[in-house]
Amino acid sequence: MGLFSALMGNAGAVNQDELKKNYGLLLTDTEEIEFGFKLIRDTFIFTNKRLIIVDVQGLTGSKTEFLSVAYKSISRFSVETAGTFDLDAELKIWVSSETVPSIRKKFNKSVNIFEVQKVLAHHVLR
């Protein structure tokens, strides 16, 4: 747990208790939330078994998609840092043998993209 404890100081990190309260119904009996990042409206939840992406949609935010991705199905991922004129960093995730990224998410400067990459690498490279 040292990696996750060290990352909890990140501005985009979400407390495990808050994640469990809000998203506990998504978990299996043997699954535990290890870490989470909050974007503007979306949330990345890293469990001991999978990555859950909570995508709040629409202007009112009344529609939500819960995308579940098993770590073993992630074939590769990349991070792109923010530039001078492009203020957002981007995470791309390829699932299985797809030729284009299955998941593309932009992160503002409140989230350190390298910390997200570190947590993802921790799970995918097991």
N, C-alpha and C. Protein backbone atom coordinates (compact mmCIF):
# COMPACT_ATOMS: atom_id res chain seq x y z
N MET A 1 0.80 -1.20 0.00
CA MET A 1 0.00 0.00 0.00
C MET A 1 0.84 1.27 0.00
N GLY A 2 2.15 1.18 0.07
CA GLY A 2 3.00 2.35 0.11
C GLY A 2 2.81 3.28 -1.07
N LEU A 3 2.68 2.72 -2.27
CA LEU A 3 2.47 3.53 -3.48
C LEU A 3 1.20 4.34 -3.35
N PHE A 4 0.11 3.72 -2.93
CA PHE A 4 -1.17 4.40 -2.84
C PHE A 4 -1.18 5.44 -1.73
N SER A 5 -0.55 5.13 -0.63
CA SER A 5 -0.48 6.09 0.46
C SER A 5 0.29 7.33 0.04
N ALA A 6 1.37 7.13 -0.69
CA ALA A 6 2.20 8.25 -1.14
C ALA A 6 1.45 9.13 -2.12
N LEU A 7 0.55 8.56 -2.90
CA LEU A 7 -0.17 9.33 -3.91
C LEU A 7 -1.37 10.09 -3.37
N MET A 8 -1.79 9.80 -2.16
CA MET A 8 -3.01 10.41 -1.63
C MET A 8 -2.90 11.93 -1.46
N GLY A 9 -1.70 12.49 -1.53
CA GLY A 9 -1.54 13.93 -1.44
C GLY A 9 -1.88 14.63 -2.75
N ASN A 10 -2.10 13.90 -3.80
CA ASN A 10 -2.41 14.49 -5.10
C ASN A 10 -3.74 15.23 -5.04
N ALA A 11 -3.80 16.41 -5.69
CA ALA A 11 -5.01 17.24 -5.68
C ALA A 11 -6.21 16.52 -6.26
N GLY A 12 -5.99 15.58 -7.20
CA GLY A 12 -7.10 14.88 -7.83
C GLY A 12 -7.47 13.59 -7.13
N ALA A 13 -6.73 13.19 -6.11
CA ALA A 13 -6.99 11.93 -5.42
C ALA A 13 -8.27 12.02 -4.60
N VAL A 14 -9.01 10.91 -4.54
CA VAL A 14 -10.27 10.86 -3.79
C VAL A 14 -10.10 9.85 -2.65
N ASN A 15 -10.61 10.19 -1.50
CA ASN A 15 -10.56 9.35 -0.31
C ASN A 15 -11.28 8.03 -0.58
N GLN A 16 -10.69 6.91 -0.13
CA GLN A 16 -11.27 5.58 -0.33
C GLN A 16 -12.66 5.44 0.29
N ASP A 17 -12.87 6.03 1.46
CA ASP A 17 -14.18 5.95 2.11
C ASP A 17 -15.25 6.64 1.27
N GLU A 18 -14.91 7.78 0.70
CA GLU A 18 -15.85 8.50 -0.16
C GLU A 18 -16.17 7.68 -1.42
N LEU A 19 -15.14 7.07 -2.00
CA LEU A 19 -15.36 6.24 -3.19
C LEU A 19 -16.25 5.04 -2.86
N LYS A 20 -15.99 4.40 -1.74
CA LYS A 20 -16.79 3.23 -1.35
C LYS A 20 -18.25 3.62 -1.09
N LYS A 21 -18.44 4.77 -0.46
CA LYS A 21 -19.79 5.25 -0.18
C LYS A 21 -20.54 5.52 -1.49
N ASN A 22 -19.88 6.16 -2.45
CA ASN A 22 -20.53 6.55 -3.70
C ASN A 22 -20.65 5.42 -4.72
N TYR A 23 -19.67 4.49 -4.71
CA TYR A 23 -19.62 3.48 -5.78
C TYR A 23 -19.52 2.05 -5.26
N GLY A 24 -19.75 1.84 -3.99
CA GLY A 24 -19.65 0.51 -3.40
C GLY A 24 -20.55 -0.53 -4.05
N LEU A 25 -21.68 -0.11 -4.58
CA LEU A 25 -22.60 -1.05 -5.23
C LEU A 25 -22.03 -1.67 -6.49
N LEU A 26 -20.99 -1.06 -7.06
CA LEU A 26 -20.36 -1.59 -8.28
C LEU A 26 -19.40 -2.73 -8.00
N LEU A 27 -19.02 -2.92 -6.75
CA LEU A 27 -17.97 -3.86 -6.40
C LEU A 27 -18.50 -5.28 -6.18
N THR A 28 -17.65 -6.26 -6.49
CA THR A 28 -17.97 -7.65 -6.17
C THR A 28 -17.64 -7.89 -4.69
N ASP A 29 -18.01 -9.06 -4.19
CA ASP A 29 -17.78 -9.37 -2.77
C ASP A 29 -16.31 -9.38 -2.39
N THR A 30 -15.43 -9.76 -3.31
CA THR A 30 -14.00 -9.86 -3.01
C THR A 30 -13.19 -8.68 -3.54
N GLU A 31 -13.87 -7.66 -4.00
CA GLU A 31 -13.19 -6.51 -4.62
C GLU A 31 -13.10 -5.35 -3.64
N GLU A 32 -11.94 -4.67 -3.69
CA GLU A 32 -11.72 -3.52 -2.82
C GLU A 32 -11.17 -2.36 -3.62
N ILE A 33 -11.61 -1.17 -3.27
CA ILE A 33 -11.09 0.04 -3.91
C ILE A 33 -9.73 0.34 -3.31
N GLU A 34 -8.75 0.56 -4.18
CA GLU A 34 -7.41 0.88 -3.71
C GLU A 34 -7.10 2.37 -3.85
N PHE A 35 -7.61 2.98 -4.93
CA PHE A 35 -7.24 4.36 -5.20
C PHE A 35 -8.20 4.95 -6.21
N GLY A 36 -8.38 6.26 -6.18
CA GLY A 36 -9.24 6.90 -7.15
C GLY A 36 -8.79 8.31 -7.46
N PHE A 37 -9.06 8.74 -8.70
CA PHE A 37 -8.78 10.10 -9.13
C PHE A 37 -10.09 10.75 -9.59
N LYS A 38 -10.32 11.96 -9.19
CA LYS A 38 -11.49 12.72 -9.61
C LYS A 38 -11.04 13.74 -10.64
N LEU A 39 -11.69 13.71 -11.79
CA LEU A 39 -11.48 14.74 -12.79
C LEU A 39 -12.55 15.80 -12.53
N ILE A 40 -12.88 16.60 -13.49
CA ILE A 40 -13.90 17.62 -13.26
C ILE A 40 -15.22 16.96 -12.86
N ARG A 41 -15.73 16.06 -13.70
CA ARG A 41 -16.97 15.34 -13.37
C ARG A 41 -16.80 13.83 -13.37
N ASP A 42 -15.73 13.35 -13.93
CA ASP A 42 -15.51 11.91 -14.05
C ASP A 42 -14.58 11.42 -12.95
N THR A 43 -14.61 10.11 -12.72
CA THR A 43 -13.79 9.51 -11.68
C THR A 43 -13.15 8.23 -12.21
N PHE A 44 -11.87 8.03 -11.91
CA PHE A 44 -11.14 6.80 -12.20
C PHE A 44 -11.00 6.06 -10.89
N ILE A 45 -11.49 4.82 -10.83
CA ILE A 45 -11.41 4.02 -9.61
C ILE A 45 -10.55 2.79 -9.90
N PHE A 46 -9.46 2.64 -9.17
CA PHE A 46 -8.60 1.48 -9.29
C PHE A 46 -8.95 0.52 -8.16
N THR A 47 -9.43 -0.67 -8.51
CA THR A 47 -9.71 -1.69 -7.50
C THR A 47 -8.60 -2.73 -7.58
N ASN A 48 -8.68 -3.73 -6.73
CA ASN A 48 -7.70 -4.81 -6.78
C ASN A 48 -7.94 -5.74 -7.98
N LYS A 49 -9.03 -5.55 -8.74
CA LYS A 49 -9.35 -6.43 -9.86
C LYS A 49 -9.51 -5.72 -11.20
N ARG A 50 -9.87 -4.42 -11.21
CA ARG A 50 -10.17 -3.74 -12.46
C ARG A 50 -10.11 -2.23 -12.31
N LEU A 51 -10.21 -1.57 -13.45
CA LEU A 51 -10.32 -0.12 -13.52
C LEU A 51 -11.78 0.20 -13.82
N ILE A 52 -12.38 1.08 -13.03
CA ILE A 52 -13.75 1.53 -13.27
C ILE A 52 -13.68 3.01 -13.60
N ILE A 53 -14.24 3.38 -14.74
CA ILE A 53 -14.29 4.78 -15.14
C ILE A 53 -15.74 5.24 -15.04
N VAL A 54 -15.97 6.23 -14.20
CA VAL A 54 -17.30 6.79 -14.01
C VAL A 54 -17.37 8.04 -14.88
N ASP A 55 -18.17 7.99 -15.93
CA ASP A 55 -18.27 9.06 -16.92
C ASP A 55 -19.62 9.75 -16.77
N VAL A 56 -19.62 10.93 -16.16
CA VAL A 56 -20.84 11.70 -15.98
C VAL A 56 -21.12 12.43 -17.29
N GLN A 57 -22.34 12.25 -17.83
CA GLN A 57 -22.66 12.75 -19.16
C GLN A 57 -23.76 13.80 -19.11
N GLY A 58 -23.84 14.58 -20.17
CA GLY A 58 -24.90 15.57 -20.32
C GLY A 58 -24.66 16.82 -19.52
N LEU A 59 -25.45 17.84 -19.82
CA LEU A 59 -25.31 19.12 -19.14
C LEU A 59 -25.70 19.05 -17.68
N THR A 60 -26.71 18.27 -17.36
CA THR A 60 -27.19 18.18 -15.98
C THR A 60 -26.44 17.13 -15.17
N GLY A 61 -25.74 16.23 -15.84
CA GLY A 61 -25.02 15.18 -15.14
C GLY A 61 -25.92 14.09 -14.60
N SER A 62 -27.15 14.00 -15.13
CA SER A 62 -28.08 13.01 -14.63
C SER A 62 -27.86 11.63 -15.24
N LYS A 63 -27.09 11.56 -16.31
CA LYS A 63 -26.78 10.28 -16.95
C LYS A 63 -25.32 9.93 -16.68
N THR A 64 -25.09 8.69 -16.24
CA THR A 64 -23.74 8.27 -15.89
C THR A 64 -23.44 6.91 -16.50
N GLU A 65 -22.24 6.79 -17.10
CA GLU A 65 -21.78 5.50 -17.61
C GLU A 65 -20.71 4.98 -16.66
N PHE A 66 -20.79 3.68 -16.34
CA PHE A 66 -19.80 3.03 -15.50
C PHE A 66 -19.07 2.02 -16.38
N LEU A 67 -17.86 2.33 -16.80
CA LEU A 67 -17.08 1.46 -17.67
C LEU A 67 -16.12 0.64 -16.82
N SER A 68 -16.16 -0.67 -16.99
CA SER A 68 -15.32 -1.58 -16.25
C SER A 68 -14.32 -2.22 -17.19
N VAL A 69 -13.03 -2.13 -16.86
CA VAL A 69 -11.97 -2.69 -17.69
C VAL A 69 -11.06 -3.55 -16.81
N ALA A 70 -11.02 -4.84 -17.12
CA ALA A 70 -10.11 -5.74 -16.38
C ALA A 70 -8.67 -5.37 -16.73
N TYR A 71 -7.81 -5.34 -15.75
CA TYR A 71 -6.41 -4.98 -15.99
C TYR A 71 -5.77 -5.90 -17.03
N LYS A 72 -6.13 -7.18 -17.02
CA LYS A 72 -5.50 -8.13 -17.94
C LYS A 72 -5.89 -7.87 -19.39
N SER A 73 -6.97 -7.10 -19.63
CA SER A 73 -7.37 -6.81 -21.00
C SER A 73 -6.72 -5.54 -21.55
N ILE A 74 -6.01 -4.80 -20.70
CA ILE A 74 -5.31 -3.59 -21.17
C ILE A 74 -4.00 -4.03 -21.80
N SER A 75 -3.88 -3.80 -23.11
CA SER A 75 -2.68 -4.23 -23.82
C SER A 75 -1.57 -3.17 -23.76
N ARG A 76 -1.95 -1.91 -23.73
CA ARG A 76 -0.96 -0.83 -23.60
C ARG A 76 -1.68 0.46 -23.23
N PHE A 77 -0.89 1.44 -22.81
CA PHE A 77 -1.45 2.75 -22.48
C PHE A 77 -0.38 3.80 -22.67
N SER A 78 -0.80 5.05 -22.84
CA SER A 78 0.17 6.13 -22.99
C SER A 78 -0.36 7.37 -22.28
N VAL A 79 0.57 8.22 -21.90
CA VAL A 79 0.22 9.51 -21.34
C VAL A 79 0.87 10.58 -22.20
N GLU A 80 0.17 11.68 -22.34
CA GLU A 80 0.68 12.82 -23.10
C GLU A 80 0.58 14.02 -22.17
N THR A 81 1.69 14.66 -21.93
CA THR A 81 1.70 15.78 -21.00
C THR A 81 1.09 17.02 -21.64
N ALA A 82 0.69 17.94 -20.79
CA ALA A 82 0.16 19.21 -21.26
C ALA A 82 1.29 20.03 -21.86
N GLY A 83 0.97 20.79 -22.89
CA GLY A 83 1.95 21.65 -23.54
C GLY A 83 1.73 23.10 -23.17
N THR A 84 2.41 23.98 -23.89
CA THR A 84 2.29 25.41 -23.63
C THR A 84 0.89 25.93 -23.96
N PHE A 85 0.38 25.53 -25.12
CA PHE A 85 -0.94 26.00 -25.54
C PHE A 85 -2.05 25.00 -25.25
N ASP A 86 -1.71 23.73 -25.17
CA ASP A 86 -2.67 22.68 -24.84
C ASP A 86 -2.53 22.43 -23.34
N LEU A 87 -3.50 22.90 -22.57
CA LEU A 87 -3.39 22.86 -21.12
C LEU A 87 -3.75 21.52 -20.49
N ASP A 88 -4.30 20.60 -21.28
CA ASP A 88 -4.73 19.31 -20.75
C ASP A 88 -3.75 18.20 -21.08
N ALA A 89 -3.55 17.31 -20.12
CA ALA A 89 -2.80 16.09 -20.36
C ALA A 89 -3.81 15.03 -20.80
N GLU A 90 -3.32 13.98 -21.45
CA GLU A 90 -4.24 12.96 -21.95
C GLU A 90 -3.73 11.57 -21.64
N LEU A 91 -4.66 10.69 -21.29
CA LEU A 91 -4.38 9.28 -21.06
C LEU A 91 -5.10 8.49 -22.14
N LYS A 92 -4.38 7.58 -22.78
CA LYS A 92 -4.96 6.70 -23.79
C LYS A 92 -4.75 5.27 -23.34
N ILE A 93 -5.82 4.46 -23.45
CA ILE A 93 -5.74 3.05 -23.05
C ILE A 93 -6.25 2.20 -24.21
N TRP A 94 -5.44 1.21 -24.59
CA TRP A 94 -5.83 0.25 -25.61
C TRP A 94 -6.28 -1.03 -24.92
N VAL A 95 -7.45 -1.52 -25.29
CA VAL A 95 -7.98 -2.75 -24.72
C VAL A 95 -7.82 -3.86 -25.75
N SER A 96 -7.26 -4.98 -25.30
CA SER A 96 -7.00 -6.15 -26.15
C SER A 96 -6.15 -5.76 -27.34
N SER A 97 -6.56 -6.14 -28.55
CA SER A 97 -5.70 -5.89 -29.72
C SER A 97 -6.21 -4.74 -30.59
N GLU A 98 -6.91 -3.81 -30.01
CA GLU A 98 -7.42 -2.66 -30.77
C GLU A 98 -6.25 -1.86 -31.33
N THR A 99 -6.46 -1.28 -32.51
CA THR A 99 -5.41 -0.48 -33.14
C THR A 99 -5.49 1.00 -32.75
N VAL A 100 -6.65 1.42 -32.30
CA VAL A 100 -6.82 2.79 -31.81
C VAL A 100 -7.19 2.70 -30.33
N PRO A 101 -6.89 3.74 -29.56
CA PRO A 101 -7.21 3.67 -28.13
C PRO A 101 -8.70 3.49 -27.89
N SER A 102 -9.04 2.56 -27.03
CA SER A 102 -10.44 2.32 -26.65
C SER A 102 -10.93 3.42 -25.71
N ILE A 103 -10.02 3.95 -24.91
CA ILE A 103 -10.36 4.96 -23.91
C ILE A 103 -9.40 6.13 -24.06
N ARG A 104 -9.96 7.33 -24.13
CA ARG A 104 -9.17 8.56 -24.18
C ARG A 104 -9.77 9.52 -23.17
N LYS A 105 -8.96 9.96 -22.22
CA LYS A 105 -9.45 10.89 -21.21
C LYS A 105 -8.47 12.04 -21.05
N LYS A 106 -9.00 13.23 -20.93
CA LYS A 106 -8.18 14.43 -20.72
C LYS A 106 -8.17 14.76 -19.23
N PHE A 107 -7.02 15.20 -18.75
CA PHE A 107 -6.84 15.57 -17.35
C PHE A 107 -6.39 17.03 -17.30
N ASN A 108 -6.98 17.80 -16.39
CA ASN A 108 -6.50 19.17 -16.23
C ASN A 108 -5.28 19.14 -15.31
N LYS A 109 -4.74 20.29 -15.04
CA LYS A 109 -3.49 20.36 -14.28
C LYS A 109 -3.63 19.99 -12.81
N SER A 110 -4.86 19.83 -12.32
CA SER A 110 -5.02 19.45 -10.91
C SER A 110 -4.63 17.99 -10.67
N VAL A 111 -4.56 17.19 -11.74
CA VAL A 111 -4.19 15.78 -11.62
C VAL A 111 -2.82 15.59 -12.28
N ASN A 112 -1.90 15.01 -11.54
CA ASN A 112 -0.57 14.70 -12.09
C ASN A 112 -0.70 13.43 -12.94
N ILE A 113 -0.59 13.58 -14.24
CA ILE A 113 -0.80 12.46 -15.18
C ILE A 113 0.21 11.34 -14.92
N PHE A 114 1.38 11.67 -14.41
CA PHE A 114 2.38 10.64 -14.12
C PHE A 114 1.95 9.77 -12.93
N GLU A 115 1.22 10.33 -12.00
CA GLU A 115 0.71 9.54 -10.89
C GLU A 115 -0.37 8.56 -11.36
N VAL A 116 -1.23 9.02 -12.26
CA VAL A 116 -2.25 8.13 -12.84
C VAL A 116 -1.55 7.00 -13.58
N GLN A 117 -0.55 7.33 -14.37
CA GLN A 117 0.21 6.33 -15.12
C GLN A 117 0.89 5.34 -14.19
N LYS A 118 1.39 5.81 -13.07
CA LYS A 118 2.08 4.94 -12.11
C LYS A 118 1.13 3.91 -11.51
N VAL A 119 -0.07 4.35 -11.14
CA VAL A 119 -1.06 3.43 -10.56
C VAL A 119 -1.51 2.42 -11.62
N LEU A 120 -1.75 2.89 -12.84
CA LEU A 120 -2.16 2.00 -13.92
C LEU A 120 -1.05 0.98 -14.22
N ALA A 121 0.17 1.43 -14.29
CA ALA A 121 1.30 0.53 -14.54
C ALA A 121 1.43 -0.51 -13.43
N HIS A 122 1.22 -0.09 -12.20
CA HIS A 122 1.29 -1.00 -11.06
C HIS A 122 0.36 -2.20 -11.26
N HIS A 123 -0.85 -1.94 -11.75
CA HIS A 123 -1.83 -3.01 -11.92
C HIS A 123 -1.65 -3.79 -13.22
N VAL A 124 -1.36 -3.10 -14.29
CA VAL A 124 -1.26 -3.76 -15.60
C VAL A 124 -0.01 -4.64 -15.68
N LEU A 125 1.08 -4.23 -15.06
CA LEU A 125 2.35 -4.95 -15.17
C LEU A 125 2.55 -6.04 -14.13
N ARG A 126 1.52 -6.41 -13.41
CA ARG A 126 1.64 -7.46 -12.38
C ARG A 126 1.96 -8.79 -13.01
